[in-house]
Amino acid sequence: MSNLVNKILNPDKVLALQLFQLFRYGSIILINVLLAKSYLGLSDIGIYETLIFLGTGITFFWVSGLLKGMLAIYPGLTEEKRPPFFFNVFLLFAGMSVLMTAFYYLCQPLILRLLTDYESLPFFNLLCIYILLNTSTYLVEYIYLLTDQPRKIVWFGMLAFGAQLLAVTVPIFLGYTLEMSFYCLIAMALIKLLWLFYVLSVYSKLSIDFQLLRPYLLISLPLVANFLVVGGAEYVDGILIHRYFDKEAFAVFRYGARELPLSLALAGAFSSALIPTIANNLTEGLVQIKSKSRHLIHLLYGVSIVLMLISPVLFPIVFRPEFTKSALVFNIYLLILISRVLFPQTILIGKQQTGIILWISIVELLINILLSILFIQYFGLAGVAFATVIACLFDKVALAVYLKSKFGIGIGQYLDVRLYGLYSLALIGAFIVSMTYL
């Protein structure tokens, strides 16, 4: 126990980013649970979920792509260029935040018509302010990561996501409406922005040099497009649910249509933290991916199998009886773990081979859309989830095949294939068992 506590108090970069992502997804789960237990009806929860859905929709793709690009390009910069690089990346983030917020504000009717079935949406203008203030703050944890400050990543995550949890839920339980929650979120975003300014004052240099951004953008833009395409599948799913079902069904789907947060947090952070290692030393990076991913496989598959079996009982207790149908969608999404613990994309990004990731993701999106439209006719909400699982698996298999054919890096060099195969069969078996009483 003392070793575990010491490891958490003095984490390496991989563990620090994993803890950060755990705080992120943990806050999302707790917000969902507390809102479900509050006085809010399903329609009000649907409004909140739709606002969050729209808010992340305008930012997730370019934020994720630009952040991943930082991890690939930063190790190759000289010590002299690193501080101005941070400042110029911040200018890019700030400019994009302004542009995206203006687009949302000016095109609100078009966005609502295309992405939802709402003619007007309460608190949309407050959402725009939140996007403007909050988006650039995603830089904080990555600056800490690249400057080897893992403990600060953990502290920032604890404070930021603790504040987010309180901002959303406390006003509701005090009897206020969602409007007050969004005012609190705006205040929280402003504080995070001030934190970012402090971090920039320490680790960056006030020097405008757009030449630094040229190679960075060449690597990042395919990743931006990749996240737009891959993440776009989630928004296509949302559009299909809005078109085929009612608002309450959208809330039910959103509560179930979540991968195990533990796998998203740990696998996503694991992949990001090892990109600089791959960029610096490919051989060492492959060894680290294979050895450390074993621990992930043991943990994530074990938790997923247990949740697969108990979720039908757990969902109506943790949320409400109305969310019982969410358990089936959730169990299908748990199967995404089979592709989540494969990391060919980490190696390709570290080697600055981002173009192929984009092209394969385009095919993935087409597969997802076509299968969603087909399966929704036969399986309803569950059909959309099945399509996502199949498309995600195609993406990772295709990347692994390309990595082998282009660079001779076989899957066995970065994955314990036997362990992976046994656990994947066990997870599928647990899903079949759970289907008997769903």
Protein backbone atom coordinates (compact mmCIF):
# COMPACT_ATOMS: atom_id res chain seq x y z
CA MET A 1 0.00 0.00 0.00
CA SER A 2 2.81 2.42 0.88
CA ASN A 3 4.41 1.73 -2.51
CA LEU A 4 1.13 2.52 -4.27
CA VAL A 5 0.68 5.76 -2.35
CA ASN A 6 4.27 6.77 -3.07
CA LYS A 7 3.80 6.02 -6.76
CA ILE A 8 0.69 8.20 -6.91
CA LEU A 9 2.35 11.02 -4.98
CA ASN A 10 5.43 10.82 -7.21
CA PRO A 11 4.06 9.67 -10.58
CA ASP A 12 5.95 9.32 -13.82
CA LYS A 13 4.56 11.07 -16.89
CA VAL A 14 2.44 8.12 -18.02
CA LEU A 15 0.77 7.65 -14.62
CA ALA A 16 0.28 11.41 -14.16
CA LEU A 17 -1.57 11.75 -17.45
CA GLN A 18 -3.59 8.63 -16.67
CA LEU A 19 -4.64 10.06 -13.30
CA PHE A 20 -5.53 13.33 -15.00
CA GLN A 21 -7.81 11.52 -17.44
CA LEU A 22 -9.34 9.52 -14.58
CA PHE A 23 -10.26 12.79 -12.89
CA ARG A 24 -11.75 14.02 -16.15
CA TYR A 25 -13.97 11.00 -16.78
CA GLY A 26 -14.68 10.51 -13.10
CA SER A 27 -16.15 14.01 -12.92
CA ILE A 28 -18.31 13.29 -15.99
CA ILE A 29 -19.69 10.11 -14.40
CA LEU A 30 -20.40 11.80 -11.08
CA ILE A 31 -22.13 14.69 -12.85
CA ASN A 32 -24.34 12.21 -14.72
CA VAL A 33 -25.17 10.29 -11.55
CA LEU A 34 -25.96 13.41 -9.53
CA LEU A 35 -28.07 14.96 -12.28
CA ALA A 36 -30.01 11.72 -12.58
CA LYS A 37 -30.61 11.81 -8.81
CA SER A 38 -31.63 15.47 -8.84
CA TYR A 39 -35.04 17.04 -9.44
CA LEU A 40 -34.27 17.47 -13.15
CA GLY A 41 -36.49 15.53 -15.53
CA LEU A 42 -35.25 13.55 -18.52
CA SER A 43 -36.01 16.48 -20.83
CA ASP A 44 -33.83 18.84 -18.75
CA ILE A 45 -31.03 16.28 -18.62
CA GLY A 46 -31.41 15.93 -22.39
CA ILE A 47 -30.89 19.71 -22.74
CA TYR A 48 -27.69 19.53 -20.67
CA GLU A 49 -26.40 16.53 -22.63
CA THR A 50 -27.21 18.25 -25.93
CA LEU A 51 -25.34 21.41 -24.88
CA ILE A 52 -22.28 19.38 -23.85
CA PHE A 53 -22.61 17.39 -27.06
CA LEU A 54 -22.56 20.61 -29.10
CA GLY A 55 -19.80 22.19 -27.00
CA THR A 56 -17.37 19.33 -27.48
CA GLY A 57 -18.41 18.98 -31.12
CA ILE A 58 -16.92 22.33 -32.10
CA THR A 59 -13.61 21.80 -30.27
CA PHE A 60 -12.69 18.14 -29.79
CA PHE A 61 -11.19 17.49 -33.22
CA TRP A 62 -8.81 20.42 -33.59
CA VAL A 63 -7.87 20.50 -29.89
CA SER A 64 -7.01 16.78 -29.88
CA GLY A 65 -5.12 16.94 -33.16
CA LEU A 66 -3.06 19.99 -32.20
CA LEU A 67 -2.22 18.55 -28.79
CA LYS A 68 -1.06 15.24 -30.28
CA GLY A 69 1.00 17.16 -32.82
CA MET A 70 2.78 18.97 -29.96
CA LEU A 71 3.87 15.64 -28.51
CA ALA A 72 5.39 14.56 -31.83
CA ILE A 73 7.21 17.81 -32.72
CA TYR A 74 8.41 19.10 -29.33
CA PRO A 75 11.18 16.50 -28.70
CA GLY A 76 12.88 17.57 -31.95
CA LEU A 77 13.03 21.27 -31.06
CA THR A 78 16.15 22.89 -29.69
CA GLU A 79 16.09 24.27 -26.14
CA GLU A 80 16.08 27.77 -27.59
CA LYS A 81 12.97 27.19 -29.69
CA ARG A 82 10.85 25.41 -27.09
CA PRO A 83 9.62 28.45 -25.05
CA PRO A 84 8.54 30.49 -28.10
CA PHE A 85 6.93 27.34 -29.51
CA PHE A 86 4.58 27.17 -26.51
CA PHE A 87 3.61 30.82 -26.91
CA ASN A 88 2.89 30.51 -30.63
CA VAL A 89 0.82 27.37 -30.05
CA PHE A 90 -1.18 29.32 -27.48
CA LEU A 91 -1.82 32.07 -30.05
CA LEU A 92 -3.06 29.40 -32.45
CA PHE A 93 -5.39 27.93 -29.80
CA ALA A 94 -6.70 31.37 -28.83
CA GLY A 95 -7.37 32.31 -32.44
CA MET A 96 -9.18 29.04 -33.12
CA SER A 97 -11.28 29.48 -29.97
CA VAL A 98 -12.44 32.90 -31.14
CA LEU A 99 -13.25 31.64 -34.64
CA MET A 100 -15.16 28.58 -33.46
CA THR A 101 -17.13 30.55 -30.86
CA ALA A 102 -18.08 33.20 -33.42
CA PHE A 103 -19.18 30.50 -35.83
CA TYR A 104 -21.41 28.87 -33.21
CA TYR A 105 -22.89 32.18 -32.06
CA LEU A 106 -23.66 33.45 -35.56
CA CYS A 107 -24.88 30.13 -36.97
CA GLN A 108 -26.96 28.93 -34.02
CA PRO A 109 -30.20 28.22 -35.98
CA LEU A 110 -28.31 26.27 -38.66
CA ILE A 111 -26.36 24.24 -36.08
CA LEU A 112 -29.48 23.35 -34.11
CA ARG A 113 -31.30 22.34 -37.28
CA LEU A 114 -28.44 20.15 -38.55
CA LEU A 115 -27.27 18.53 -35.31
CA THR A 116 -30.39 18.39 -33.12
CA ASP A 117 -34.17 18.51 -33.34
CA TYR A 118 -34.38 21.65 -31.17
CA GLU A 119 -35.66 24.86 -32.77
CA SER A 120 -34.08 26.82 -29.92
CA LEU A 121 -31.89 25.65 -27.07
CA PRO A 122 -31.76 27.32 -23.63
CA PHE A 123 -28.39 28.63 -22.43
CA PHE A 124 -26.76 28.32 -25.88
CA ASN A 125 -25.18 31.76 -25.57
CA LEU A 126 -23.70 30.81 -22.19
CA LEU A 127 -22.26 27.70 -23.83
CA CYS A 128 -20.51 29.94 -26.38
CA ILE A 129 -18.86 31.99 -23.62
CA TYR A 130 -17.72 28.80 -21.90
CA ILE A 131 -16.18 27.48 -25.13
CA LEU A 132 -14.33 30.76 -25.67
CA LEU A 133 -12.77 30.78 -22.20
CA ASN A 134 -12.17 27.08 -21.64
CA THR A 135 -10.75 25.70 -24.88
CA SER A 136 -7.21 27.08 -24.66
CA THR A 137 -6.81 25.71 -21.13
CA TYR A 138 -6.31 22.19 -22.54
CA LEU A 139 -2.73 23.32 -23.11
CA VAL A 140 -1.93 23.31 -19.38
CA GLU A 141 -1.54 19.57 -18.84
CA TYR A 142 0.44 19.13 -22.06
CA ILE A 143 2.87 21.89 -21.20
CA TYR A 144 3.39 20.17 -17.85
CA LEU A 145 3.86 16.84 -19.66
CA LEU A 146 6.44 18.16 -22.12
CA THR A 147 8.37 20.03 -19.43
CA ASP A 148 8.46 16.91 -17.23
CA GLN A 149 6.19 18.19 -14.44
CA PRO A 150 4.03 15.09 -13.73
CA ARG A 151 3.00 16.07 -10.19
CA LYS A 152 1.61 19.36 -11.47
CA ILE A 153 -0.50 17.44 -14.00
CA VAL A 154 -2.12 15.54 -11.14
CA TRP A 155 -2.78 18.62 -9.02
CA PHE A 156 -4.20 20.56 -11.94
CA GLY A 157 -6.51 17.66 -12.82
CA MET A 158 -7.77 17.29 -9.24
CA LEU A 159 -8.57 20.97 -8.89
CA ALA A 160 -9.96 21.54 -12.40
CA PHE A 161 -12.32 18.60 -12.52
CA GLY A 162 -13.30 18.88 -8.88
CA ALA A 163 -14.34 22.45 -9.66
CA GLN A 164 -16.24 21.29 -12.76
CA LEU A 165 -18.19 18.74 -10.72
CA LEU A 166 -19.15 21.36 -8.15
CA ALA A 167 -19.98 23.99 -10.78
CA VAL A 168 -22.56 21.78 -12.48
CA THR A 169 -24.15 19.97 -9.55
CA VAL A 170 -24.13 22.31 -6.54
CA PRO A 171 -26.48 24.92 -8.12
CA ILE A 172 -28.95 22.17 -9.08
CA PHE A 173 -29.08 20.73 -5.56
CA LEU A 174 -29.48 24.22 -4.15
CA GLY A 175 -32.63 24.57 -6.23
CA TYR A 176 -31.29 26.68 -9.11
CA THR A 177 -31.71 25.89 -12.81
CA LEU A 178 -29.11 24.76 -15.36
CA GLU A 179 -28.56 28.43 -16.16
CA MET A 180 -26.75 28.92 -12.85
CA SER A 181 -24.67 25.81 -13.54
CA PHE A 182 -23.44 27.34 -16.77
CA TYR A 183 -22.60 30.62 -15.05
CA CYS A 184 -20.50 28.60 -12.61
CA LEU A 185 -18.83 26.74 -15.46
CA ILE A 186 -17.92 30.07 -17.03
CA ALA A 187 -16.37 31.25 -13.76
CA MET A 188 -14.40 28.00 -13.53
CA ALA A 189 -13.17 28.39 -17.13
CA LEU A 190 -11.97 31.92 -16.38
CA ILE A 191 -9.93 30.69 -13.41
CA LYS A 192 -8.40 27.93 -15.56
CA LEU A 193 -7.51 30.51 -18.20
CA LEU A 194 -5.69 32.60 -15.60
CA TRP A 195 -3.83 29.43 -14.57
CA LEU A 196 -2.80 28.95 -18.21
CA PHE A 197 -1.47 32.52 -18.34
CA TYR A 198 0.67 31.79 -15.29
CA VAL A 199 2.01 28.57 -16.84
CA LEU A 200 2.85 30.43 -20.04
CA SER A 201 4.68 33.11 -18.06
CA VAL A 202 6.92 30.39 -16.60
CA TYR A 203 7.50 28.03 -19.54
CA SER A 204 7.01 30.14 -22.66
CA LYS A 205 8.63 33.17 -24.24
CA LEU A 206 6.73 36.11 -25.68
CA SER A 207 7.97 35.83 -29.25
CA ILE A 208 5.76 35.68 -32.33
CA ASP A 209 7.37 33.33 -34.84
CA PHE A 210 4.93 31.65 -37.18
CA GLN A 211 7.79 29.76 -38.82
CA LEU A 212 7.76 27.55 -35.74
CA LEU A 213 4.18 26.57 -36.53
CA ARG A 214 4.77 25.44 -40.11
CA PRO A 215 6.29 21.98 -39.41
CA TYR A 216 3.99 21.64 -36.42
CA LEU A 217 0.90 22.19 -38.58
CA LEU A 218 2.14 19.80 -41.26
CA ILE A 219 2.15 17.04 -38.64
CA SER A 220 -0.96 18.20 -36.76
CA LEU A 221 -3.44 18.92 -39.56
CA PRO A 222 -3.83 15.26 -40.61
CA LEU A 223 -4.44 14.46 -36.95
CA VAL A 224 -7.02 17.25 -36.70
CA ALA A 225 -8.78 15.82 -39.73
CA ASN A 226 -8.48 12.33 -38.24
CA PHE A 227 -10.14 13.35 -34.98
CA LEU A 228 -12.81 15.22 -36.93
CA VAL A 229 -13.58 12.10 -38.95
CA VAL A 230 -13.38 9.61 -36.07
CA GLY A 231 -15.11 11.85 -33.56
CA GLY A 232 -17.59 12.81 -36.22
CA ALA A 233 -18.97 9.30 -35.95
CA GLU A 234 -20.21 10.13 -32.44
CA TYR A 235 -22.01 13.17 -33.80
CA VAL A 236 -23.43 11.21 -36.71
CA ASP A 237 -24.72 8.75 -34.13
CA GLY A 238 -26.27 11.63 -32.20
CA ILE A 239 -27.92 12.98 -35.34
CA LEU A 240 -29.33 9.54 -36.17
CA ILE A 241 -30.72 9.14 -32.65
CA HIS A 242 -32.34 12.58 -32.85
CA ARG A 243 -33.87 11.71 -36.23
CA TYR A 244 -35.17 8.22 -35.41
CA PHE A 245 -36.07 8.63 -31.72
CA ASP A 246 -37.37 11.24 -29.28
CA LYS A 247 -35.45 13.54 -26.91
CA GLU A 248 -35.73 11.13 -23.99
CA ALA A 249 -34.21 8.35 -26.10
CA PHE A 250 -31.26 10.65 -26.80
CA ALA A 251 -30.64 11.02 -23.07
CA VAL A 252 -30.92 7.24 -22.61
CA PHE A 253 -28.46 6.65 -25.46
CA ARG A 254 -25.96 9.25 -24.21
CA TYR A 255 -25.96 7.74 -20.73
CA GLY A 256 -25.17 4.32 -22.17
CA ALA A 257 -23.03 5.33 -25.15
CA ARG A 258 -19.86 5.74 -23.15
CA GLU A 259 -16.83 3.55 -23.16
CA LEU A 260 -15.56 2.48 -19.78
CA PRO A 261 -14.08 5.79 -18.55
CA LEU A 262 -11.20 3.87 -17.00
CA SER A 263 -10.18 2.53 -20.41
CA LEU A 264 -10.55 5.90 -22.11
CA ALA A 265 -8.54 7.60 -19.39
CA LEU A 266 -5.75 5.07 -19.01
CA ALA A 267 -5.38 3.95 -22.63
CA GLY A 268 -5.67 7.47 -24.03
CA ALA A 269 -3.18 8.91 -21.58
CA PHE A 270 -0.86 5.93 -22.08
CA SER A 271 -0.84 6.54 -25.83
CA SER A 272 -0.24 10.29 -25.51
CA ALA A 273 2.51 10.02 -22.90
CA LEU A 274 4.55 7.56 -25.00
CA ILE A 275 4.47 9.55 -28.26
CA PRO A 276 7.52 11.65 -27.23
CA THR A 277 9.35 8.43 -26.26
CA ILE A 278 8.68 6.92 -29.70
CA ALA A 279 9.85 10.19 -31.30
CA ASN A 280 13.11 10.08 -29.32
CA ASN A 281 13.89 6.33 -29.42
CA LEU A 282 11.73 3.88 -31.39
CA THR A 283 13.24 0.71 -29.93
CA GLU A 284 12.81 1.88 -26.34
CA GLY A 285 9.30 3.09 -27.10
CA LEU A 286 8.21 -0.29 -28.50
CA VAL A 287 9.55 -2.07 -25.41
CA GLN A 288 7.70 0.34 -23.11
CA ILE A 289 4.42 0.01 -25.00
CA LYS A 290 4.52 -3.81 -24.83
CA SER A 291 5.58 -4.07 -21.18
CA LYS A 292 3.34 -1.35 -19.78
CA SER A 293 0.31 -2.32 -21.87
CA ARG A 294 0.25 -5.70 -20.09
CA HIS A 295 -0.73 -3.91 -16.87
CA LEU A 296 -3.44 -2.03 -18.77
CA ILE A 297 -4.84 -5.23 -20.25
CA HIS A 298 -5.07 -6.97 -16.87
CA LEU A 299 -6.78 -3.99 -15.25
CA LEU A 300 -9.10 -2.80 -18.01
CA TYR A 301 -10.37 -6.21 -19.12
CA GLY A 302 -10.92 -7.31 -15.52
CA VAL A 303 -13.01 -4.24 -14.70
CA SER A 304 -14.88 -4.39 -18.03
CA ILE A 305 -15.85 -8.05 -17.59
CA VAL A 306 -17.25 -7.38 -14.13
CA LEU A 307 -19.17 -4.31 -15.31
CA MET A 308 -20.47 -6.23 -18.32
CA LEU A 309 -22.12 -8.73 -15.97
CA ILE A 310 -23.54 -6.30 -13.40
CA SER A 311 -24.54 -3.28 -15.50
CA PRO A 312 -28.17 -4.41 -16.06
CA VAL A 313 -28.63 -4.32 -12.30
CA LEU A 314 -26.39 -1.31 -11.72
CA PHE A 315 -27.87 1.21 -14.16
CA PRO A 316 -31.39 1.54 -12.68
CA ILE A 317 -29.86 1.80 -9.18
CA VAL A 318 -27.11 4.32 -9.98
CA PHE A 319 -29.28 6.38 -12.30
CA ARG A 320 -33.03 5.74 -12.57
CA PRO A 321 -35.26 2.90 -13.77
CA GLU A 322 -35.78 4.88 -16.98
CA PHE A 323 -32.10 4.35 -17.80
CA THR A 324 -32.29 0.53 -17.73
CA LYS A 325 -32.11 0.43 -21.53
CA SER A 326 -28.81 2.33 -21.34
CA ALA A 327 -27.15 -0.80 -19.91
CA LEU A 328 -27.34 -2.65 -23.23
CA VAL A 329 -25.76 0.27 -25.10
CA PHE A 330 -23.11 0.54 -22.40
CA ASN A 331 -22.25 -3.17 -22.62
CA ILE A 332 -21.81 -2.94 -26.38
CA TYR A 333 -19.53 0.06 -25.96
CA LEU A 334 -17.44 -1.94 -23.49
CA LEU A 335 -16.44 -4.13 -26.45
CA ILE A 336 -14.52 -1.18 -27.90
CA LEU A 337 -11.82 -2.10 -25.38
CA ILE A 338 -10.74 -4.82 -27.84
CA SER A 339 -9.47 -2.07 -30.16
CA ARG A 340 -8.62 0.47 -27.45
CA VAL A 341 -5.61 -1.47 -26.10
CA LEU A 342 -3.96 -1.64 -29.52
CA PHE A 343 -1.46 1.21 -30.05
CA PRO A 344 -0.26 1.32 -33.68
CA GLN A 345 -1.37 4.97 -33.86
CA THR A 346 1.03 5.89 -31.04
CA ILE A 347 3.97 4.56 -33.05
CA LEU A 348 2.83 6.22 -36.28
CA ILE A 349 2.37 9.63 -34.63
CA GLY A 350 5.76 9.33 -32.93
CA LYS A 351 7.29 8.63 -36.35
CA GLN A 352 5.36 11.64 -37.73
CA GLN A 353 3.39 9.41 -40.11
CA THR A 354 0.04 11.09 -39.62
CA GLY A 355 -1.34 11.06 -43.17
CA ILE A 356 -2.22 7.36 -43.19
CA ILE A 357 -4.08 7.76 -39.91
CA LEU A 358 -6.38 10.25 -41.63
CA TRP A 359 -7.12 8.08 -44.66
CA ILE A 360 -7.91 5.00 -42.61
CA SER A 361 -10.15 7.06 -40.32
CA ILE A 362 -12.17 8.25 -43.34
CA VAL A 363 -12.88 4.63 -44.26
CA GLU A 364 -13.73 3.97 -40.59
CA LEU A 365 -16.29 6.78 -40.61
CA LEU A 366 -17.93 5.47 -43.79
CA ILE A 367 -18.16 2.00 -42.27
CA ASN A 368 -19.66 3.46 -39.10
CA ILE A 369 -22.29 5.50 -40.94
CA LEU A 370 -23.34 2.70 -43.28
CA LEU A 371 -23.55 0.10 -40.53
CA SER A 372 -25.38 2.50 -38.20
CA ILE A 373 -28.07 3.19 -40.80
CA LEU A 374 -28.38 -0.53 -41.50
CA PHE A 375 -28.29 -1.81 -37.92
CA ILE A 376 -30.64 0.83 -36.51
CA GLN A 377 -33.41 -0.73 -38.59
CA TYR A 378 -32.96 -4.10 -36.85
CA PHE A 379 -31.49 -3.38 -33.40
CA GLY A 380 -32.64 0.18 -32.59
CA LEU A 381 -30.30 2.10 -30.27
CA ALA A 382 -28.11 -0.98 -29.90
CA GLY A 383 -27.48 -1.06 -33.65
CA VAL A 384 -25.71 2.30 -33.54
CA ALA A 385 -23.45 1.01 -30.78
CA PHE A 386 -22.61 -2.22 -32.66
CA ALA A 387 -21.60 -0.18 -35.72
CA THR A 388 -19.20 1.90 -33.63
CA VAL A 389 -17.51 -1.21 -32.18
CA ILE A 390 -16.93 -2.72 -35.63
CA ALA A 391 -15.64 0.54 -37.13
CA CYS A 392 -13.19 1.12 -34.25
CA LEU A 393 -11.76 -2.38 -34.60
CA PHE A 394 -11.30 -1.90 -38.34
CA ASP A 395 -9.32 1.29 -37.70
CA LYS A 396 -6.78 -0.31 -35.38
CA VAL A 397 -6.36 -3.46 -37.50
CA ALA A 398 -5.79 -1.38 -40.64
CA LEU A 399 -3.18 0.80 -38.87
CA ALA A 400 -1.41 -2.30 -37.55
CA VAL A 401 -1.30 -3.82 -41.04
CA TYR A 402 0.14 -0.59 -42.46
CA LEU A 403 2.74 -0.38 -39.70
CA LYS A 404 3.88 -3.92 -40.51
CA SER A 405 3.95 -3.47 -44.28
CA LYS A 406 5.62 -0.02 -44.25
CA PHE A 407 8.09 -0.30 -41.37
CA GLY A 408 8.26 -4.02 -40.62
CA ILE A 409 6.96 -3.47 -37.08
CA GLY A 410 4.78 -6.47 -36.26
CA ILE A 411 2.01 -6.41 -33.68
CA GLY A 412 3.96 -8.80 -31.46
CA GLN A 413 6.65 -6.12 -30.98
CA TYR A 414 4.26 -3.83 -29.08
CA LEU A 415 1.52 -6.20 -27.83
CA ASP A 416 1.41 -9.40 -25.77
CA VAL A 417 -0.76 -11.17 -28.36
CA ARG A 418 -1.55 -14.26 -26.26
CA LEU A 419 -2.70 -12.25 -23.24
CA TYR A 420 -4.71 -9.92 -25.47
CA GLY A 421 -6.44 -12.80 -27.24
CA LEU A 422 -7.45 -14.63 -24.06
CA TYR A 423 -8.88 -11.50 -22.44
CA SER A 424 -10.76 -10.49 -25.61
CA LEU A 425 -12.45 -13.91 -25.75
CA ALA A 426 -13.38 -13.60 -22.08
CA LEU A 427 -14.91 -10.16 -22.65
CA ILE A 428 -16.99 -11.40 -25.57
CA GLY A 429 -18.12 -14.34 -23.44
CA ALA A 430 -19.20 -11.98 -20.67
CA PHE A 431 -21.19 -9.94 -23.19
CA ILE A 432 -23.01 -13.06 -24.41
CA VAL A 433 -23.86 -13.97 -20.81
CA SER A 434 -25.12 -10.45 -20.08
CA MET A 435 -27.40 -10.57 -23.12
CA THR A 436 -29.34 -13.42 -21.52
CA TYR A 437 -30.77 -11.16 -18.82
CA LEU A 438 -30.81 -7.74 -20.48
